[in-house]
C-alpha cells in the first residue's frame, strides 16, 4: 500500500483543537427525540446500538452502530430513534 502525505491537510489538521466539556453514556427508548437549534458547541456521538437518526435539511440520516458522528456547532437538526438508542 502506498501512502501519500498531503501538506495542506496536515497544516489544517495541526490547527484543530478539541476540548471535551461534557461526556456521558445514554441508553433510551423512543423517548429520545427533540429539536436542536443553533447549538453553541459541537457534539460527537458514538453509536453503540439501536436505530437513532437525525433530520437535517428535511433529509433523514440514520446513525449506524459502530460509527461516530460529529455535529458542528451552530447546526440545527431534529433527532430521534424508532425503538432504542445507546450511545457514548
N, C-alpha and C. Protein backbone atom coordinates (compact mmCIF):
# COMPACT_ATOMS: atom_id res chain seq x y z
N UNK A 1 0.84 -1.17 0.00
CA UNK A 1 0.00 0.00 0.00
C UNK A 1 0.89 1.23 0.00
N UNK A 2 0.54 2.16 -0.83
CA UNK A 2 1.28 3.41 -0.92
C UNK A 2 0.52 4.50 -0.16
N UNK A 3 1.22 5.24 0.69
CA UNK A 3 0.60 6.29 1.49
C UNK A 3 1.20 7.63 1.06
N UNK A 4 0.33 8.60 0.80
CA UNK A 4 0.76 9.92 0.39
C UNK A 4 0.51 10.92 1.51
N UNK A 5 1.36 11.91 1.60
CA UNK A 5 1.20 12.97 2.59
C UNK A 5 0.66 14.20 1.90
N UNK A 6 -0.37 14.77 2.50
CA UNK A 6 -0.96 15.99 1.98
C UNK A 6 -0.59 17.12 2.93
N UNK A 7 0.38 17.94 2.54
CA UNK A 7 0.88 19.02 3.40
C UNK A 7 -0.22 20.02 3.74
N UNK A 8 -1.10 20.32 2.80
CA UNK A 8 -2.19 21.26 3.04
C UNK A 8 -3.11 20.73 4.14
N UNK A 9 -3.50 19.47 4.03
CA UNK A 9 -4.37 18.86 5.04
C UNK A 9 -3.66 18.79 6.39
N UNK A 10 -2.38 18.44 6.40
CA UNK A 10 -1.64 18.38 7.66
C UNK A 10 -1.60 19.74 8.34
N UNK A 11 -1.46 20.80 7.56
CA UNK A 11 -1.45 22.15 8.11
C UNK A 11 -2.79 22.47 8.77
N UNK A 12 -3.87 22.12 8.10
CA UNK A 12 -5.21 22.36 8.68
C UNK A 12 -5.40 21.51 9.93
N UNK A 13 -5.08 20.23 9.86
CA UNK A 13 -5.28 19.33 11.00
C UNK A 13 -4.45 19.75 12.21
N UNK A 14 -3.28 20.29 11.99
CA UNK A 14 -2.43 20.69 13.11
C UNK A 14 -3.01 21.86 13.89
N UNK A 15 -3.96 22.57 13.29
CA UNK A 15 -4.58 23.72 13.96
C UNK A 15 -5.89 23.38 14.66
N UNK A 16 -6.34 22.15 14.51
CA UNK A 16 -7.59 21.73 15.14
C UNK A 16 -7.34 21.47 16.62
N UNK A 17 -8.25 21.97 17.44
CA UNK A 17 -8.14 21.80 18.88
C UNK A 17 -9.45 21.24 19.41
N UNK A 18 -9.37 20.21 20.25
CA UNK A 18 -10.55 19.61 20.85
C UNK A 18 -10.54 19.85 22.35
N UNK A 19 -11.69 20.20 22.87
CA UNK A 19 -11.86 20.34 24.31
C UNK A 19 -13.19 19.67 24.66
N UNK A 20 -13.13 18.67 25.49
CA UNK A 20 -14.35 17.96 25.89
C UNK A 20 -14.94 18.68 27.10
N UNK A 21 -16.15 19.22 26.94
CA UNK A 21 -16.80 19.94 28.04
C UNK A 21 -17.93 19.14 28.67
N UNK A 22 -18.33 18.06 28.01
CA UNK A 22 -19.40 17.22 28.54
C UNK A 22 -19.25 15.84 27.92
N UNK A 23 -19.48 14.81 28.69
CA UNK A 23 -19.42 13.45 28.13
C UNK A 23 -20.34 12.56 28.96
N UNK A 24 -20.70 11.44 28.39
CA UNK A 24 -21.56 10.53 29.12
C UNK A 24 -22.01 9.36 28.27
N UNK A 25 -22.83 8.56 28.88
CA UNK A 25 -23.40 7.38 28.25
C UNK A 25 -24.92 7.51 28.32
N UNK A 26 -25.59 7.17 27.24
CA UNK A 26 -27.05 7.24 27.22
C UNK A 26 -27.63 5.98 26.58
N UNK A 27 -28.68 5.49 27.20
CA UNK A 27 -29.45 4.36 26.65
C UNK A 27 -30.91 4.74 26.79
N UNK A 28 -31.62 4.83 25.67
CA UNK A 28 -33.00 5.31 25.68
C UNK A 28 -33.87 4.48 24.76
N UNK A 29 -35.17 4.66 24.96
CA UNK A 29 -36.16 4.11 24.04
C UNK A 29 -36.59 5.20 23.09
N UNK A 30 -37.79 5.07 22.56
CA UNK A 30 -38.25 6.04 21.56
C UNK A 30 -38.55 7.42 22.15
N UNK A 31 -38.36 7.58 23.48
CA UNK A 31 -38.50 8.91 24.06
C UNK A 31 -37.31 9.82 23.73
N UNK A 32 -36.23 9.24 23.17
CA UNK A 32 -35.07 10.04 22.75
C UNK A 32 -35.45 10.76 21.46
N UNK A 33 -35.88 12.00 21.59
CA UNK A 33 -36.26 12.79 20.42
C UNK A 33 -36.28 14.26 20.81
N UNK A 34 -36.10 15.10 19.83
CA UNK A 34 -36.14 16.53 20.11
C UNK A 34 -35.63 17.34 18.93
N UNK A 35 -35.50 18.63 19.18
CA UNK A 35 -35.01 19.57 18.18
C UNK A 35 -33.87 20.36 18.78
N UNK A 36 -32.78 20.46 18.04
CA UNK A 36 -31.62 21.25 18.44
C UNK A 36 -31.55 22.45 17.51
N UNK A 37 -31.49 23.64 18.08
CA UNK A 37 -31.41 24.86 17.26
C UNK A 37 -30.14 25.62 17.59
N UNK A 38 -29.28 25.71 16.63
CA UNK A 38 -28.05 26.52 16.73
C UNK A 38 -27.27 26.24 18.01
N UNK A 39 -26.95 24.99 18.22
CA UNK A 39 -26.22 24.60 19.42
C UNK A 39 -24.87 25.34 19.47
N UNK A 40 -24.47 25.84 20.66
CA UNK A 40 -23.25 26.66 20.75
C UNK A 40 -21.95 25.86 20.84
N UNK A 41 -22.03 24.55 20.71
CA UNK A 41 -20.83 23.71 20.72
C UNK A 41 -21.07 22.49 19.84
N UNK A 42 -20.00 21.85 19.40
CA UNK A 42 -20.12 20.65 18.57
C UNK A 42 -20.46 19.45 19.44
N UNK A 43 -21.13 18.47 18.84
CA UNK A 43 -21.47 17.23 19.55
C UNK A 43 -20.87 16.06 18.79
N UNK A 44 -20.32 15.12 19.54
CA UNK A 44 -19.77 13.90 18.96
C UNK A 44 -20.55 12.73 19.53
N UNK A 45 -21.24 12.01 18.67
CA UNK A 45 -21.99 10.83 19.08
C UNK A 45 -21.27 9.59 18.58
N UNK A 46 -21.03 8.61 19.47
CA UNK A 46 -20.57 7.29 19.06
C UNK A 46 -21.74 6.36 19.36
N UNK A 47 -22.30 5.79 18.31
CA UNK A 47 -23.50 4.95 18.45
C UNK A 47 -23.08 3.52 18.75
N UNK A 48 -23.61 2.99 19.85
CA UNK A 48 -23.31 1.62 20.25
C UNK A 48 -24.35 0.66 19.66
N UNK A 49 -25.63 1.03 19.79
CA UNK A 49 -26.69 0.16 19.27
C UNK A 49 -27.96 0.97 19.05
N UNK A 50 -28.92 0.34 18.42
CA UNK A 50 -30.21 0.97 18.21
C UNK A 50 -30.40 1.50 16.81
N UNK A 51 -31.42 2.35 16.67
CA UNK A 51 -31.78 2.88 15.36
C UNK A 51 -32.01 4.40 15.39
N UNK A 52 -31.05 5.14 15.98
CA UNK A 52 -31.21 6.59 16.02
C UNK A 52 -31.01 7.22 14.64
N UNK A 53 -31.52 8.44 14.52
CA UNK A 53 -31.33 9.19 13.28
C UNK A 53 -31.45 10.67 13.58
N UNK A 54 -30.95 11.48 12.65
CA UNK A 54 -31.17 12.91 12.71
C UNK A 54 -31.88 13.33 11.43
N UNK A 55 -32.57 14.44 11.49
CA UNK A 55 -33.21 15.02 10.31
C UNK A 55 -32.53 16.37 10.09
N UNK A 56 -31.88 16.49 8.94
CA UNK A 56 -31.12 17.68 8.60
C UNK A 56 -31.54 18.14 7.22
N UNK A 57 -32.03 19.37 7.11
CA UNK A 57 -32.50 19.90 5.82
C UNK A 57 -33.53 18.97 5.18
N UNK A 58 -34.46 18.48 5.98
CA UNK A 58 -35.54 17.58 5.54
C UNK A 58 -35.06 16.21 5.08
N UNK A 59 -33.80 15.87 5.35
CA UNK A 59 -33.28 14.55 4.99
C UNK A 59 -33.06 13.74 6.27
N UNK A 60 -33.60 12.54 6.31
CA UNK A 60 -33.44 11.65 7.46
C UNK A 60 -32.12 10.89 7.30
N UNK A 61 -31.23 11.02 8.29
CA UNK A 61 -29.91 10.42 8.22
C UNK A 61 -29.77 9.41 9.36
N UNK A 62 -29.71 8.11 9.04
CA UNK A 62 -29.56 7.12 10.11
C UNK A 62 -28.16 7.21 10.73
N UNK A 63 -28.09 7.02 12.04
CA UNK A 63 -26.83 6.97 12.76
C UNK A 63 -26.56 5.50 13.08
N UNK A 64 -25.56 4.94 12.44
CA UNK A 64 -25.34 3.49 12.50
C UNK A 64 -24.42 3.08 13.65
N UNK A 65 -24.74 1.96 14.31
CA UNK A 65 -23.87 1.45 15.38
C UNK A 65 -22.45 1.22 14.87
N UNK A 66 -21.49 1.56 15.73
CA UNK A 66 -20.08 1.38 15.39
C UNK A 66 -19.46 2.60 14.72
N UNK A 67 -20.25 3.63 14.48
CA UNK A 67 -19.75 4.84 13.83
C UNK A 67 -19.85 6.03 14.77
N UNK A 68 -18.97 7.02 14.55
CA UNK A 68 -19.00 8.27 15.29
C UNK A 68 -19.48 9.37 14.36
N UNK A 69 -20.25 10.31 14.91
CA UNK A 69 -20.82 11.40 14.12
C UNK A 69 -20.51 12.72 14.81
N UNK A 70 -19.89 13.64 14.09
CA UNK A 70 -19.58 14.96 14.61
C UNK A 70 -20.58 15.95 14.04
N UNK A 71 -21.36 16.56 14.93
CA UNK A 71 -22.35 17.56 14.53
C UNK A 71 -21.79 18.92 14.95
N UNK A 72 -21.43 19.76 13.98
CA UNK A 72 -20.75 21.01 14.30
C UNK A 72 -21.64 22.04 14.99
N UNK A 73 -20.99 22.91 15.76
CA UNK A 73 -21.73 23.97 16.45
C UNK A 73 -22.44 24.85 15.44
N UNK A 74 -23.55 25.42 15.89
CA UNK A 74 -24.33 26.29 15.02
C UNK A 74 -25.35 25.55 14.18
N UNK A 75 -25.29 24.24 14.19
CA UNK A 75 -26.17 23.43 13.36
C UNK A 75 -27.54 23.27 14.02
N UNK A 76 -28.59 23.20 13.22
CA UNK A 76 -29.94 22.91 13.71
C UNK A 76 -30.40 21.59 13.10
N UNK A 77 -31.00 20.72 13.92
CA UNK A 77 -31.44 19.42 13.44
C UNK A 77 -32.45 18.83 14.42
N UNK A 78 -33.17 17.83 13.96
CA UNK A 78 -34.05 17.04 14.80
C UNK A 78 -33.35 15.71 15.06
N UNK A 79 -33.65 15.08 16.20
CA UNK A 79 -33.08 13.77 16.49
C UNK A 79 -34.17 12.88 17.07
N UNK A 80 -34.03 11.58 16.83
CA UNK A 80 -34.99 10.60 17.35
C UNK A 80 -34.48 9.20 17.10
N UNK A 81 -35.24 8.21 17.57
CA UNK A 81 -34.98 6.82 17.22
C UNK A 81 -36.32 6.11 17.10
N UNK A 82 -36.33 5.03 16.33
CA UNK A 82 -37.58 4.29 16.13
C UNK A 82 -37.94 3.46 17.36
N UNK A 83 -36.94 2.76 17.91
CA UNK A 83 -37.21 1.87 19.04
C UNK A 83 -36.27 2.10 20.22
N UNK A 84 -34.97 2.22 19.95
CA UNK A 84 -33.99 2.38 21.02
C UNK A 84 -32.72 3.01 20.50
N UNK A 85 -31.88 3.44 21.45
CA UNK A 85 -30.63 4.07 21.11
C UNK A 85 -29.68 3.92 22.29
N UNK A 86 -28.42 3.58 22.00
CA UNK A 86 -27.37 3.51 23.02
C UNK A 86 -26.16 4.23 22.45
N UNK A 87 -25.61 5.18 23.21
CA UNK A 87 -24.52 5.99 22.66
C UNK A 87 -23.55 6.43 23.75
N UNK A 88 -22.37 6.80 23.31
CA UNK A 88 -21.40 7.47 24.16
C UNK A 88 -21.33 8.90 23.72
